[in-house]
Amino acid sequence: MKIAFFVADYPNPSETFVARQIAGMRALGHDVTIVAGCLKAPMDEIEREGVKVRLIRQESTGIRALTLRLRCGVMALLNWRRLGAIIRGLAMQSLMPAADLLSCPLHLGSYDAIVAHFGPMGVRAAILRQAGMLGGPLAVIFHGKDMSDRWTLKRFLPSYRNLFRSAELLLPISRLWRQRLIDWGAPVGKIRVLRMGVDLGLFDPVPDDKPLQRPLRVLSVARLVEKKGLAYAIEGVKQAAADIDYRIIGYGPLEETLTERCAAPGNNVRLLGRRSHADVFAELRATDIFLLPSVTAEDGDMEGIPVALMEAMAMGVLVVATRHSGIPELIEDELEGLLVTERDANAIAHALDRIADGAIDIAAMRRAARAKVEREFNNSLLDHDLEALLATLQPEADQPRAVADSAATPRSLRA
């Protein structure tokens, strides 16, 4: 299949699951094009990975930029189909779709499937398709912020309802988001849960019977933003009776605030900043507990299901998280990890102390966590799920026989 991945920017270090999914489709033999709002790496560098790249808007400067935009704008206004889409775009809370139509090339290509990551990008893709500038059936993956952030929903929720009618597939990453889409009026028959996952081959799990260290090693890897709940993690570690060495890897707007908290008397916390993937894996393998007490931010922003938790579970690291968003779909409390209430530092401290005191069968919990990821969050299976879902959008005669057969009952086709 010719598959276009429609994304806001690429590559995005906080959305590595997009690059991973693209690599998965290429590994299955599909012809992949990235259609992006902007690039965060040189185009030739991205294309060396074996994908083609199309920009939604022309990139240029000076007189050339003005000439290109005038040409695109004039062509847009002379094309009635495109002009109608521009008018619809101007009626939205966001002007972005109209700007796309006025400044993008005449055509972004025709594909067997278009996969848009995040709801707003689905809206943009749908409008470009309606204008005749993008061709192919549309599947939209809904993640987290696009389903929860109040500002995003104020701008895009009315357009989501149009998207529900025009898109061929709606792919929330959790059952929670599936229900929210239904509550917003999405047709149940178009919705399939499609998980994000991890590459299990990258993880050499620690032995199930590996003893805990003293002091107890605790790690968080996250963007330093409110919804990661790191302020409560720091306070929970401080309240715990156990001797704990707590390390935080990440960067973001709350770095200064969290640095001040870490420096407070009685806190045995180190903020390590940005680290390479290799360094993160080394820290993960050396830790006892991965702590991610996610919360709903003041602006409504929520997680989807954090890939960082899946990575820890795949490594055989014990996890402590919150009953937040889709996390309980990954972690059953007391079986695959420990879950606590959001914004409850005392509950975090209690969970850490239970593990330190030997109140948890850590070998059984490690085995159960790894098995859960292998069954439900395993990229080698999820790639085939996505392939099968996209195959259902093709005329049956155009489907390879093996894909056509698997498309009838793939694991992720359960609603």
Foldseek 3Di string as FASTA:
>chain_A
DEEEEQEAEPPDPVPVLVVVLQVLLVVVPYAYEYEYCYYPDDQVVVCVVVHHYFYLFDDDDDPVQVVQLVVQQVVQVVQVQSVVLLVVCVPFLDVVLNSSSRGGDQAPDAGQEYEYEADVSLLSQQSCVSSVRYHHAYEYEHWFQSLWQQVNCNRPLVSVQVSLVRHQAYEYQFVLSLVSCVVSPRDNLRYFYFHAFDALVVADADALPDDADVQAEEEEEDAPDPQQQVVLVQLLVLPAPGRYQYEYEYYYDCVVVVVVSCPDPSGNYYYPYHDDPVVVNVSLLVHAEYEGAGDQDPSGTFGAADNVLLNSLSRLHAYEYEPGHRPCVLDPDLQQHHYDHHPDSNVSSVRVNCVVVVVHSSSRNSVRNNVSSVVRRHVVLSSLVVLLCSLVSHDLVPDDPVSSVCNVDRPRSPD
